[in-house]
Amino acid sequence: MKLPHLQGTFRTAVLLATIGSMRYFDLIYVMTEGGPENASQVMASYMYKQVFASFELGYGTTVAAAMFIIITVIASVAFRLSKRFETEV
């Protein structure tokens, strides 16, 4: 099955889903605040605690930069994989 006109839409949907999956900070923080022994803590809530609870601004910035790098790598891999399967129109 070939859907050449939907390649751009598919790439955008994959990118937005990847970024959206990294944005569960507010839900987890409101419900559990990291859970017992930080079992349900995600990178965003960990960064928030380091910056605003412990006042470790440098470490929090490092965690934020790591999140940015991870999202960028995942997005670029998704774009390359989608271009690999792209067909000539």
C-alpha atoms as a PDB file:
ATOM      1  CA  MET A   1       0.000   0.000   0.000  1.00  0.00           C
ATOM      2  CA  LYS A   2       1.502   3.311  -1.060  1.00  0.00           C
ATOM      3  CA  LEU A   3       0.444   6.622   0.394  1.00  0.00           C
ATOM      4  CA  PRO A   4       2.958   9.117  -1.005  1.00  0.00           C
ATOM      5  CA  HIS A   5       0.924  12.200  -0.173  1.00  0.00           C
ATOM      6  CA  LEU A   6       0.746  11.337   3.513  1.00  0.00           C
ATOM      7  CA  GLN A   7       4.495  11.163   4.161  1.00  0.00           C
ATOM      8  CA  GLY A   8       4.712  14.721   5.513  1.00  0.00           C
ATOM      9  CA  THR A   9       1.662  14.206   7.683  1.00  0.00           C
ATOM     10  CA  PHE A  10       3.055  10.946   9.016  1.00  0.00           C
ATOM     11  CA  ARG A  11       6.414  12.549   9.843  1.00  0.00           C
ATOM     12  CA  THR A  12       4.721  15.406  11.670  1.00  0.00           C
ATOM     13  CA  ALA A  13       2.505  13.014  13.628  1.00  0.00           C
ATOM     14  CA  VAL A  14       5.512  10.940  14.709  1.00  0.00           C
ATOM     15  CA  LEU A  15       7.421  14.043  15.790  1.00  0.00           C
ATOM     16  CA  LEU A  16       4.500  15.452  17.781  1.00  0.00           C
ATOM     17  CA  ALA A  17       3.828  12.078  19.412  1.00  0.00           C
ATOM     18  CA  THR A  18       7.486  11.794  20.456  1.00  0.00           C
ATOM     19  CA  ILE A  19       7.528  15.275  21.944  1.00  0.00           C
ATOM     20  CA  GLY A  20       4.142  14.699  23.577  1.00  0.00           C
ATOM     21  CA  SER A  21       5.339  11.509  25.238  1.00  0.00           C
ATOM     22  CA  MET A  22       8.089  13.492  26.960  1.00  0.00           C
ATOM     23  CA  ARG A  23       5.562  15.967  28.389  1.00  0.00           C
ATOM     24  CA  TYR A  24       3.998  13.881  31.154  1.00  0.00           C
ATOM     25  CA  PHE A  25       5.509  16.091  33.841  1.00  0.00           C
ATOM     26  CA  ASP A  26       2.338  17.817  34.993  1.00  0.00           C
ATOM     27  CA  LEU A  27       0.240  14.658  35.264  1.00  0.00           C
ATOM     28  CA  ILE A  28       2.800  12.676  37.248  1.00  0.00           C
ATOM     29  CA  TYR A  29       3.807  15.580  39.452  1.00  0.00           C
ATOM     30  CA  VAL A  30       0.231  16.449  40.409  1.00  0.00           C
ATOM     31  CA  MET A  31      -0.778  12.853  41.098  1.00  0.00           C
ATOM     32  CA  THR A  32       2.287  11.367  42.782  1.00  0.00           C
ATOM     33  CA  GLU A  33       5.057  13.982  43.119  1.00  0.00           C
ATOM     34  CA  GLY A  34       7.464  11.292  41.931  1.00  0.00           C
ATOM     35  CA  GLY A  35       5.867   8.424  43.824  1.00  0.00           C
ATOM     36  CA  PRO A  36       7.367   6.381  46.620  1.00  0.00           C
ATOM     37  CA  GLU A  37      11.153   6.231  46.319  1.00  0.00           C
ATOM     38  CA  ASN A  38      10.787   8.267  43.056  1.00  0.00           C
ATOM     39  CA  ALA A  39       9.468   5.171  41.259  1.00  0.00           C
ATOM     40  CA  SER A  40       7.284   7.105  38.816  1.00  0.00           C
ATOM     41  CA  GLN A  41       9.493  10.123  38.347  1.00  0.00           C
ATOM     42  CA  VAL A  42      10.190  11.259  34.780  1.00  0.00           C
ATOM     43  CA  MET A  43      13.070  13.463  33.641  1.00  0.00           C
ATOM     44  CA  ALA A  44      10.962  16.621  33.683  1.00  0.00           C
ATOM     45  CA  SER A  45       9.827  16.155  37.293  1.00  0.00           C
ATOM     46  CA  TYR A  46      13.386  15.236  38.304  1.00  0.00           C
ATOM     47  CA  MET A  47      14.633  18.440  36.692  1.00  0.00           C
ATOM     48  CA  TYR A  48      11.918  20.444  38.472  1.00  0.00           C
ATOM     49  CA  LYS A  49      12.907  19.038  41.862  1.00  0.00           C
ATOM     50  CA  GLN A  50      16.600  19.688  41.275  1.00  0.00           C
ATOM     51  CA  VAL A  51      16.045  23.292  40.220  1.00  0.00           C
ATOM     52  CA  PHE A  52      13.229  24.509  42.445  1.00  0.00           C
ATOM     53  CA  ALA A  53      13.408  22.247  45.510  1.00  0.00           C
ATOM     54  CA  SER A  54      17.179  21.812  45.844  1.00  0.00           C
ATOM     55  CA  PHE A  55      18.227  25.038  44.070  1.00  0.00           C
ATOM     56  CA  GLU A  56      20.805  23.157  42.008  1.00  0.00           C
ATOM     57  CA  LEU A  57      20.469  25.277  38.888  1.00  0.00           C
ATOM     58  CA  GLY A  58      23.476  23.886  37.041  1.00  0.00           C
ATOM     59  CA  TYR A  59      22.397  20.275  37.501  1.00  0.00           C
ATOM     60  CA  GLY A  60      18.818  21.101  36.487  1.00  0.00           C
ATOM     61  CA  THR A  61      20.089  22.810  33.356  1.00  0.00           C
ATOM     62  CA  THR A  62      22.158  19.727  32.540  1.00  0.00           C
ATOM     63  CA  VAL A  63      19.082  17.511  32.859  1.00  0.00           C
ATOM     64  CA  ALA A  64      17.130  19.900  30.594  1.00  0.00           C
ATOM     65  CA  ALA A  65      19.925  19.810  28.017  1.00  0.00           C
ATOM     66  CA  ALA A  66      19.961  16.008  28.151  1.00  0.00           C
ATOM     67  CA  MET A  67      16.204  15.969  27.545  1.00  0.00           C
ATOM     68  CA  PHE A  68      16.684  18.273  24.548  1.00  0.00           C
ATOM     69  CA  ILE A  69      19.404  16.038  23.095  1.00  0.00           C
ATOM     70  CA  ILE A  70      17.320  12.874  23.576  1.00  0.00           C
ATOM     71  CA  ILE A  71      14.278  14.422  21.878  1.00  0.00           C
ATOM     72  CA  THR A  72      16.433  15.727  19.017  1.00  0.00           C
ATOM     73  CA  VAL A  73      18.057  12.329  18.431  1.00  0.00           C
ATOM     74  CA  ILE A  74      14.729  10.486  18.499  1.00  0.00           C
ATOM     75  CA  ALA A  75      13.157  13.005  16.116  1.00  0.00           C
ATOM     76  CA  SER A  76      16.069  12.857  13.667  1.00  0.00           C
ATOM     77  CA  VAL A  77      16.008   9.046  13.675  1.00  0.00           C
ATOM     78  CA  ALA A  78      12.256   9.114  13.033  1.00  0.00           C
ATOM     79  CA  PHE A  79      12.734  11.553  10.129  1.00  0.00           C
ATOM     80  CA  ARG A  80      15.477   9.435   8.596  1.00  0.00           C
ATOM     81  CA  LEU A  81      13.421   6.258   8.897  1.00  0.00           C
ATOM     82  CA  SER A  82      10.410   7.919   7.343  1.00  0.00           C
ATOM     83  CA  LYS A  83      12.534   9.250   4.465  1.00  0.00           C
ATOM     84  CA  ARG A  84      13.977   5.790   3.910  1.00  0.00           C
ATOM     85  CA  PHE A  85      10.515   4.371   3.288  1.00  0.00           C
ATOM     86  CA  GLU A  86       9.430   7.314   1.166  1.00  0.00           C
ATOM     87  CA  THR A  87       8.521   6.408  -2.379  1.00  0.00           C
ATOM     88  CA  GLU A  88       9.122   8.377  -5.541  1.00  0.00           C
ATOM     89  CA  VAL A  89       6.046  10.241  -6.787  1.00  0.00           C
END
